[in-house]
Structure formats: structure tokens, C-alpha cells
């Protein structure tokens, strides 16, 4: 039995983050990973904790990039919240940016 696919929704910030990546091949790889989330998104990526609890992180494009997303099971929707490079300790680290976005836009 095939499950009904989830629909993918992008926050405006995540869409801007994707479009700001200058390398077309990286953008395409990220988009391919996002498409895979249509099928069983809760079995992909890793669950996040702390301020990002309720969200998941999926590695993409040479393992450097992360896609931060959350699922709404009852609506069969996956929300792409943010994406970018993992740079631990940097202000530009995707997890740091995602936390700021969640606070700024009250994305839950």
C-alpha cells in the first residue's frame, strides 16, 4: 500500500536561502533531497532538540548543507524552515540562523 505523499511548503526565508546559493548544482541537489521528503519525512533526517525541538535536520549536497524542516502529519505537509551550511561556532551556522528565524517570525 502506497502512502499519500506529503506536500512540501517553503517558508519565504528558506526559499531566499535556496536562491542565494550561487552554485546551481548544489541548489539542484538540495531540491532533490527536499523532494524525497514527500515520502515518510519523519523517517528521514534527525530530530533536533532544544530551541529547535519539533524540527528535523536532513543532510544535503556533500553533507555540508542542512535542511531544517518540520512535519504537520495531520495536514500531510512538510515545512522547509531554513537551509544552509553547517559551520559550528559561526554566526552563519544554519542551526544558529534557524533559531533566530523561529524567534523572529514565530514559526512553530
N, C-alpha and C. Protein backbone atom coordinates (compact mmCIF):
# COMPACT_ATOMS: atom_id res chain seq x y z
N UNK A 1 0.83 -1.18 0.00
CA UNK A 1 0.00 0.00 0.00
C UNK A 1 0.88 1.25 0.00
N UNK A 2 0.66 2.11 -0.93
CA UNK A 2 1.44 3.35 -1.05
C UNK A 2 0.77 4.44 -0.22
N UNK A 3 1.56 5.10 0.60
CA UNK A 3 1.05 6.19 1.42
C UNK A 3 0.85 7.44 0.58
N UNK A 4 -0.10 8.26 1.00
CA UNK A 4 -0.31 9.53 0.32
C UNK A 4 0.91 10.42 0.55
N UNK A 5 1.44 11.04 -0.49
CA UNK A 5 2.64 11.87 -0.31
C UNK A 5 2.33 13.14 0.48
N UNK A 6 3.35 13.62 1.17
CA UNK A 6 3.26 14.89 1.87
C UNK A 6 3.44 16.01 0.85
N UNK A 7 2.81 17.14 1.08
CA UNK A 7 3.08 18.30 0.22
C UNK A 7 4.21 19.10 0.88
N UNK A 8 5.03 19.69 0.05
CA UNK A 8 6.18 20.46 0.52
C UNK A 8 5.83 21.95 0.47
N UNK A 9 6.04 22.64 1.58
CA UNK A 9 5.82 24.08 1.66
C UNK A 9 7.14 24.72 2.08
N UNK A 10 7.43 25.86 1.52
CA UNK A 10 8.68 26.58 1.81
C UNK A 10 8.37 27.87 2.54
N UNK A 11 9.09 28.15 3.62
CA UNK A 11 8.99 29.48 4.23
C UNK A 11 9.68 30.44 3.25
N UNK A 12 9.29 31.69 3.32
CA UNK A 12 9.91 32.70 2.44
C UNK A 12 11.42 32.76 2.68
N UNK A 13 11.81 32.60 3.95
CA UNK A 13 13.23 32.66 4.29
C UNK A 13 13.99 31.48 3.68
N UNK A 14 13.40 30.29 3.74
CA UNK A 14 14.06 29.11 3.17
C UNK A 14 14.19 29.25 1.66
N UNK A 15 13.17 29.78 1.02
CA UNK A 15 13.22 29.97 -0.44
C UNK A 15 14.35 30.96 -0.78
N UNK A 16 14.44 32.05 -0.01
CA UNK A 16 15.51 33.03 -0.24
C UNK A 16 16.88 32.39 -0.02
N UNK A 17 16.99 31.55 1.02
CA UNK A 17 18.26 30.88 1.30
C UNK A 17 18.66 29.99 0.13
N UNK A 18 17.69 29.27 -0.44
CA UNK A 18 17.99 28.40 -1.58
C UNK A 18 18.43 29.23 -2.78
N UNK A 19 17.71 30.30 -3.07
CA UNK A 19 18.04 31.13 -4.23
C UNK A 19 19.37 31.87 -4.07
N UNK A 20 19.81 32.06 -2.82
CA UNK A 20 21.08 32.77 -2.60
C UNK A 20 22.31 31.89 -2.83
N UNK A 21 22.09 30.58 -3.00
CA UNK A 21 23.22 29.67 -3.27
C UNK A 21 23.60 29.82 -4.74
N UNK A 22 24.82 30.25 -4.99
CA UNK A 22 25.22 30.57 -6.36
C UNK A 22 25.47 29.33 -7.22
N UNK A 23 25.85 28.22 -6.61
CA UNK A 23 26.15 27.01 -7.38
C UNK A 23 24.85 26.26 -7.72
N UNK A 24 24.52 26.26 -9.01
CA UNK A 24 23.28 25.63 -9.48
C UNK A 24 23.22 24.15 -9.12
N UNK A 25 24.35 23.45 -9.18
CA UNK A 25 24.36 22.01 -8.86
C UNK A 25 24.01 21.77 -7.40
N UNK A 26 24.50 22.62 -6.51
CA UNK A 26 24.18 22.49 -5.09
C UNK A 26 22.69 22.73 -4.89
N UNK A 27 22.15 23.78 -5.53
CA UNK A 27 20.70 24.06 -5.42
C UNK A 27 19.89 22.87 -5.88
N UNK A 28 20.30 22.25 -6.99
CA UNK A 28 19.57 21.10 -7.52
C UNK A 28 19.63 19.91 -6.56
N UNK A 29 20.79 19.67 -5.96
CA UNK A 29 20.92 18.56 -5.01
C UNK A 29 20.04 18.79 -3.78
N UNK A 30 20.00 20.02 -3.31
CA UNK A 30 19.15 20.35 -2.16
C UNK A 30 17.69 20.13 -2.54
N UNK A 31 17.30 20.59 -3.70
CA UNK A 31 15.92 20.43 -4.13
C UNK A 31 15.55 18.95 -4.26
N UNK A 32 16.49 18.13 -4.77
CA UNK A 32 16.24 16.69 -4.88
C UNK A 32 16.01 16.07 -3.50
N UNK A 33 16.81 16.48 -2.51
CA UNK A 33 16.65 15.98 -1.14
C UNK A 33 15.28 16.38 -0.59
N UNK A 34 14.90 17.62 -0.85
CA UNK A 34 13.59 18.10 -0.37
C UNK A 34 12.47 17.27 -0.99
N UNK A 35 12.58 16.95 -2.27
CA UNK A 35 11.55 16.13 -2.94
C UNK A 35 11.40 14.78 -2.25
N UNK A 36 12.50 14.23 -1.74
CA UNK A 36 12.43 12.93 -1.05
C UNK A 36 11.60 13.00 0.23
N UNK A 37 11.43 14.19 0.77
CA UNK A 37 10.64 14.35 1.99
C UNK A 37 9.14 14.14 1.76
N UNK A 38 8.73 14.05 0.51
CA UNK A 38 7.32 13.77 0.21
C UNK A 38 6.92 12.38 0.73
N UNK A 39 7.90 11.50 0.83
CA UNK A 39 7.66 10.13 1.31
C UNK A 39 8.29 9.94 2.68
N UNK A 40 7.49 9.74 3.69
CA UNK A 40 7.92 9.44 5.06
C UNK A 40 8.97 10.41 5.61
N UNK A 41 8.64 11.69 5.69
CA UNK A 41 9.62 12.68 6.17
C UNK A 41 10.06 12.45 7.61
N UNK A 42 9.21 11.81 8.40
CA UNK A 42 9.55 11.59 9.81
C UNK A 42 10.58 10.48 9.99
N UNK A 43 10.86 9.75 8.92
CA UNK A 43 11.89 8.70 8.99
C UNK A 43 13.21 9.17 8.39
N UNK A 44 13.25 10.43 7.95
CA UNK A 44 14.47 10.98 7.36
C UNK A 44 15.03 12.05 8.29
N UNK A 45 16.26 12.38 8.10
CA UNK A 45 16.88 13.41 8.92
C UNK A 45 16.96 13.00 10.37
N UNK A 46 17.39 13.91 11.21
CA UNK A 46 17.47 13.60 12.64
C UNK A 46 16.62 14.62 13.40
N UNK A 47 15.98 14.17 14.47
CA UNK A 47 15.20 15.11 15.26
C UNK A 47 16.12 16.08 16.00
N UNK A 48 15.72 17.32 16.06
CA UNK A 48 16.51 18.34 16.74
C UNK A 48 15.98 18.55 18.16
N UNK A 49 16.82 19.11 19.01
CA UNK A 49 16.46 19.32 20.41
C UNK A 49 16.57 20.80 20.76
N UNK A 50 16.28 21.11 22.00
CA UNK A 50 16.40 22.48 22.48
C UNK A 50 15.42 23.41 21.79
N UNK A 51 15.93 24.57 21.39
CA UNK A 51 15.08 25.58 20.74
C UNK A 51 14.51 25.10 19.42
N UNK A 52 15.14 24.11 18.81
CA UNK A 52 14.67 23.59 17.53
C UNK A 52 13.89 22.29 17.69
N UNK A 53 13.48 21.99 18.90
CA UNK A 53 12.69 20.79 19.15
C UNK A 53 11.42 20.82 18.30
N UNK A 54 11.06 19.67 17.75
CA UNK A 54 9.90 19.59 16.86
C UNK A 54 10.29 19.72 15.40
N UNK A 55 11.55 20.04 15.15
CA UNK A 55 12.07 20.16 13.79
C UNK A 55 13.07 19.03 13.55
N UNK A 56 13.38 18.82 12.29
CA UNK A 56 14.35 17.80 11.92
C UNK A 56 15.39 18.43 11.00
N UNK A 57 16.55 17.78 10.92
CA UNK A 57 17.65 18.25 10.08
C UNK A 57 18.04 17.13 9.12
N UNK A 58 18.10 17.46 7.84
CA UNK A 58 18.47 16.50 6.82
C UNK A 58 19.73 16.99 6.12
N UNK A 59 20.72 16.11 6.00
CA UNK A 59 21.96 16.47 5.29
C UNK A 59 21.70 16.49 3.79
N UNK A 60 22.37 17.43 3.13
CA UNK A 60 22.20 17.55 1.68
C UNK A 60 23.46 18.12 1.05
N UNK A 61 23.63 17.87 -0.21
CA UNK A 61 24.70 18.46 -1.03
C UNK A 61 26.06 18.36 -0.36
N UNK A 62 26.68 17.25 -0.49
CA UNK A 62 28.02 16.96 0.00
C UNK A 62 28.11 17.03 1.52
N UNK A 63 27.02 16.78 2.20
CA UNK A 63 26.97 16.69 3.65
C UNK A 63 27.22 18.01 4.36
N UNK A 64 27.56 19.06 3.65
CA UNK A 64 27.83 20.35 4.29
C UNK A 64 26.55 21.11 4.59
N UNK A 65 25.58 20.96 3.71
CA UNK A 65 24.33 21.70 3.85
C UNK A 65 23.35 20.91 4.71
N UNK A 66 22.50 21.67 5.42
CA UNK A 66 21.44 21.07 6.21
C UNK A 66 20.11 21.70 5.80
N UNK A 67 19.09 20.89 5.77
CA UNK A 67 17.73 21.35 5.52
C UNK A 67 16.98 21.20 6.84
N UNK A 68 16.48 22.29 7.38
CA UNK A 68 15.73 22.27 8.63
C UNK A 68 14.25 22.28 8.27
N UNK A 69 13.51 21.29 8.76
CA UNK A 69 12.10 21.18 8.40
C UNK A 69 11.28 20.64 9.57
N UNK A 70 9.97 20.78 9.43
CA UNK A 70 9.05 20.18 10.39
C UNK A 70 7.87 19.61 9.62
N UNK A 71 7.24 18.63 10.21
CA UNK A 71 6.09 18.00 9.54
C UNK A 71 4.81 18.32 10.29
N UNK A 72 3.75 18.43 9.54
CA UNK A 72 2.40 18.53 10.08
C UNK A 72 1.68 17.29 9.59
N UNK A 73 1.75 16.23 10.39
CA UNK A 73 1.22 14.94 9.99
C UNK A 73 -0.26 15.01 9.62
N UNK A 74 -1.05 15.72 10.44
CA UNK A 74 -2.50 15.77 10.20
C UNK A 74 -2.85 16.47 8.89
N UNK A 75 -1.96 17.35 8.41
CA UNK A 75 -2.19 18.05 7.14
C UNK A 75 -1.35 17.48 6.01
N UNK A 76 -0.56 16.44 6.32
CA UNK A 76 0.35 15.84 5.33
C UNK A 76 1.21 16.91 4.66
N UNK A 77 1.81 17.76 5.49
CA UNK A 77 2.62 18.86 4.99
C UNK A 77 4.00 18.84 5.63
N UNK A 78 5.01 19.12 4.82
CA UNK A 78 6.38 19.32 5.31
C UNK A 78 6.72 20.78 5.07
N UNK A 79 7.11 21.48 6.13
CA UNK A 79 7.53 22.88 6.03
C UNK A 79 9.05 22.95 6.03
N UNK A 80 9.61 23.50 4.97
CA UNK A 80 11.05 23.76 4.91
C UNK A 80 11.24 25.12 5.57
N UNK A 81 11.93 25.13 6.70
CA UNK A 81 12.08 26.33 7.50
C UNK A 81 13.35 27.11 7.12
N UNK A 82 14.44 26.39 6.93
CA UNK A 82 15.72 27.04 6.64
C UNK A 82 16.66 26.02 6.01
N UNK A 83 17.67 26.50 5.32
CA UNK A 83 18.71 25.61 4.80
C UNK A 83 19.99 26.40 4.64
N UNK A 84 21.09 25.68 4.81
CA UNK A 84 22.38 26.34 4.68
C UNK A 84 23.50 25.44 5.15
N UNK A 85 24.67 26.02 5.27
CA UNK A 85 25.87 25.26 5.63
C UNK A 85 26.01 25.17 7.14
N UNK A 86 26.42 24.00 7.59
CA UNK A 86 26.71 23.77 9.00
C UNK A 86 28.11 24.32 9.27
N UNK A 87 28.21 25.35 10.09
CA UNK A 87 29.50 25.95 10.48
C UNK A 87 29.49 26.13 11.98
N UNK A 88 29.76 25.07 12.68
CA UNK A 88 29.68 25.10 14.14
C UNK A 88 30.52 26.24 14.71
N UNK A 89 29.91 27.01 15.62
CA UNK A 89 30.60 28.11 16.25
C UNK A 89 30.52 29.42 15.49
N UNK A 90 29.99 29.40 14.28
CA UNK A 90 29.89 30.60 13.45
C UNK A 90 28.51 31.23 13.59
N UNK A 91 28.44 32.55 13.44
CA UNK A 91 27.15 33.24 13.44
C UNK A 91 26.32 32.83 12.22
N UNK A 92 26.98 32.32 11.19
CA UNK A 92 26.30 31.93 9.96
C UNK A 92 25.94 30.44 9.93
N UNK A 93 26.15 29.76 11.04
CA UNK A 93 25.78 28.35 11.15
C UNK A 93 24.27 28.22 10.95
N UNK A 94 23.85 27.23 10.16
CA UNK A 94 22.43 27.10 9.83
C UNK A 94 21.56 26.89 11.07
N UNK A 95 22.06 26.20 12.07
CA UNK A 95 21.25 26.00 13.28
C UNK A 95 21.07 27.32 14.03
N UNK A 96 22.11 28.14 14.08
CA UNK A 96 22.03 29.45 14.71
C UNK A 96 21.03 30.33 13.96
N UNK A 97 21.11 30.31 12.63
CA UNK A 97 20.19 31.11 11.81
C UNK A 97 18.75 30.62 11.97
N UNK A 98 18.55 29.30 12.02
CA UNK A 98 17.20 28.74 12.16
C UNK A 98 16.58 29.16 13.49
N UNK A 99 17.36 29.15 14.56
CA UNK A 99 16.85 29.59 15.87
C UNK A 99 16.40 31.05 15.81
N UNK A 100 17.21 31.88 15.16
CA UNK A 100 16.85 33.30 15.04
C UNK A 100 15.57 33.47 14.22
N UNK A 101 15.46 32.72 13.13
CA UNK A 101 14.25 32.79 12.29
C UNK A 101 13.01 32.39 13.08
N UNK A 102 13.12 31.33 13.85
CA UNK A 102 11.98 30.87 14.62
C UNK A 102 11.54 31.93 15.64
N UNK A 103 12.51 32.61 16.23
CA UNK A 103 12.17 33.68 17.20
C UNK A 103 11.59 34.90 16.49
N UNK A 104 12.21 35.29 15.39
CA UNK A 104 11.78 36.48 14.65
C UNK A 104 10.38 36.35 14.06
N UNK A 105 10.13 35.22 13.44
CA UNK A 105 8.88 35.04 12.72
C UNK A 105 7.89 34.16 13.46
N UNK A 106 8.28 33.76 14.67
CA UNK A 106 7.42 32.90 15.49
C UNK A 106 6.92 31.69 14.71
N UNK A 107 7.82 31.11 13.91
CA UNK A 107 7.50 29.91 13.16
C UNK A 107 7.49 28.76 14.15
N UNK A 108 6.42 28.06 14.21
CA UNK A 108 6.32 26.91 15.15
C UNK A 108 6.04 25.64 14.39
